[in-house]
Amino acid sequence: MAKPSLPRMLRQQPTTPEVRFWLLTYSLRQQGWHFRKQAPMGRYVVDFVCHRARLIVEIDGVSHYTDQGIAHDAARTAFLVGEGYRVLRSPTSM
């Protein structure tokens, strides 16, 4: 049996803040604003993306606030902005 992909595993095990954000997008999704969860974008997997709005929403946990996490997020954001997306980062409680 094939190993599930990283995006699929992340979709199957969302964090509480990711579940809350998904519920908040319900009315937008009902109006035709399609959001994808844990979507591959280049070599990265973004938490949420709305291609129509060219918007990526990242729900950042505590690991994003280390020196290594900050550097990784800067490179990731630069790539995504270079692809024409706006990146909105939402911190979870630390």
Protein backbone atom coordinates (compact mmCIF):
# COMPACT_ATOMS: atom_id res chain seq x y z
CA MET A 1 0.00 0.00 0.00
CA ALA A 2 1.34 3.45 -0.92
CA LYS A 3 2.30 5.88 1.80
CA PRO A 4 -0.15 8.83 2.02
CA SER A 5 1.21 12.15 0.76
CA LEU A 6 2.15 14.88 3.24
CA PRO A 7 -0.73 17.17 2.16
CA ARG A 8 -3.21 14.33 2.58
CA MET A 9 -1.87 13.49 6.06
CA LEU A 10 -2.06 17.16 7.07
CA ARG A 11 -5.66 17.42 5.82
CA GLN A 12 -6.60 14.33 7.82
CA GLN A 13 -5.06 15.69 11.05
CA PRO A 14 -5.82 19.43 11.20
CA THR A 15 -4.90 21.50 14.23
CA THR A 16 -7.65 23.19 16.25
CA PRO A 17 -6.81 26.66 14.81
CA GLU A 18 -6.97 25.20 11.27
CA VAL A 19 -10.42 23.72 11.97
CA ARG A 20 -11.60 27.07 13.33
CA PHE A 21 -10.33 28.95 10.28
CA TRP A 22 -12.00 26.42 7.94
CA LEU A 23 -15.30 27.00 9.73
CA LEU A 24 -14.84 30.79 9.38
CA THR A 25 -14.49 30.43 5.61
CA TYR A 26 -17.85 28.67 5.28
CA SER A 27 -19.81 31.74 4.15
CA LEU A 28 -17.07 32.71 1.68
CA ARG A 29 -17.06 29.19 0.25
CA GLN A 30 -20.84 29.35 -0.13
CA GLN A 31 -20.37 32.51 -2.22
CA GLY A 32 -17.97 30.79 -4.63
CA TRP A 33 -14.61 31.58 -3.02
CA HIS A 34 -12.99 28.16 -3.18
CA PHE A 35 -10.38 27.50 -0.49
CA ARG A 36 -8.10 24.48 -0.56
CA LYS A 37 -6.64 22.99 2.62
CA GLN A 38 -3.01 21.85 2.83
CA ALA A 39 -2.33 22.54 -0.83
CA PRO A 40 1.02 21.93 -2.55
CA MET A 41 2.60 25.13 -3.90
CA GLY A 42 5.97 24.45 -5.49
CA ARG A 43 8.04 22.61 -2.89
CA TYR A 44 5.86 23.86 -0.05
CA VAL A 45 2.49 22.87 1.40
CA VAL A 46 0.38 25.89 2.38
CA ASP A 47 -2.32 25.71 5.05
CA PHE A 48 -5.06 27.37 2.97
CA VAL A 49 -5.15 28.90 -0.49
CA CYS A 50 -7.81 30.72 -2.49
CA HIS A 51 -6.48 30.82 -6.05
CA ARG A 52 -9.23 33.19 -7.22
CA ALA A 53 -8.18 35.80 -4.63
CA ARG A 54 -4.46 34.91 -4.97
CA LEU A 55 -4.44 34.59 -1.16
CA ILE A 56 -2.61 32.15 1.08
CA VAL A 57 -3.43 31.91 4.79
CA GLU A 58 -0.88 30.31 7.09
CA ILE A 59 -1.81 29.36 10.65
CA ASP A 60 1.54 29.57 12.44
CA GLY A 61 2.23 27.48 15.52
CA VAL A 62 5.07 27.87 17.99
CA SER A 63 7.67 26.23 15.70
CA HIS A 64 7.42 29.23 13.36
CA TYR A 65 8.92 31.55 16.00
CA THR A 66 12.34 29.93 16.31
CA ASP A 67 15.31 31.34 14.37
CA GLN A 68 15.10 28.39 11.98
CA GLY A 69 11.32 28.76 11.59
CA ILE A 70 11.57 32.48 10.90
CA ALA A 71 14.24 31.92 8.22
CA HIS A 72 12.23 29.10 6.61
CA ASP A 73 9.05 31.22 6.60
CA ALA A 74 10.91 34.17 5.01
CA ALA A 75 12.11 31.97 2.12
CA ARG A 76 8.68 30.38 1.80
CA THR A 77 6.89 33.74 1.77
CA ALA A 78 9.34 35.15 -0.81
CA PHE A 79 8.61 32.19 -3.10
CA LEU A 80 4.83 32.49 -2.70
CA VAL A 81 4.85 36.27 -3.24
CA GLY A 82 7.00 35.67 -6.31
CA GLU A 83 4.23 33.39 -7.59
CA GLY A 84 1.77 36.30 -7.30
CA TYR A 85 0.08 35.45 -3.99
CA ARG A 86 -0.49 37.52 -0.87
CA VAL A 87 0.44 35.66 2.29
CA LEU A 88 -1.49 36.24 5.50
CA ARG A 89 0.05 34.72 8.62
CA SER A 90 -2.07 34.14 11.68
CA PRO A 91 -0.25 33.22 14.89
CA THR A 92 -1.80 30.68 17.20
CA SER A 93 -1.43 31.14 20.93
CA MET A 94 2.15 30.58 21.96
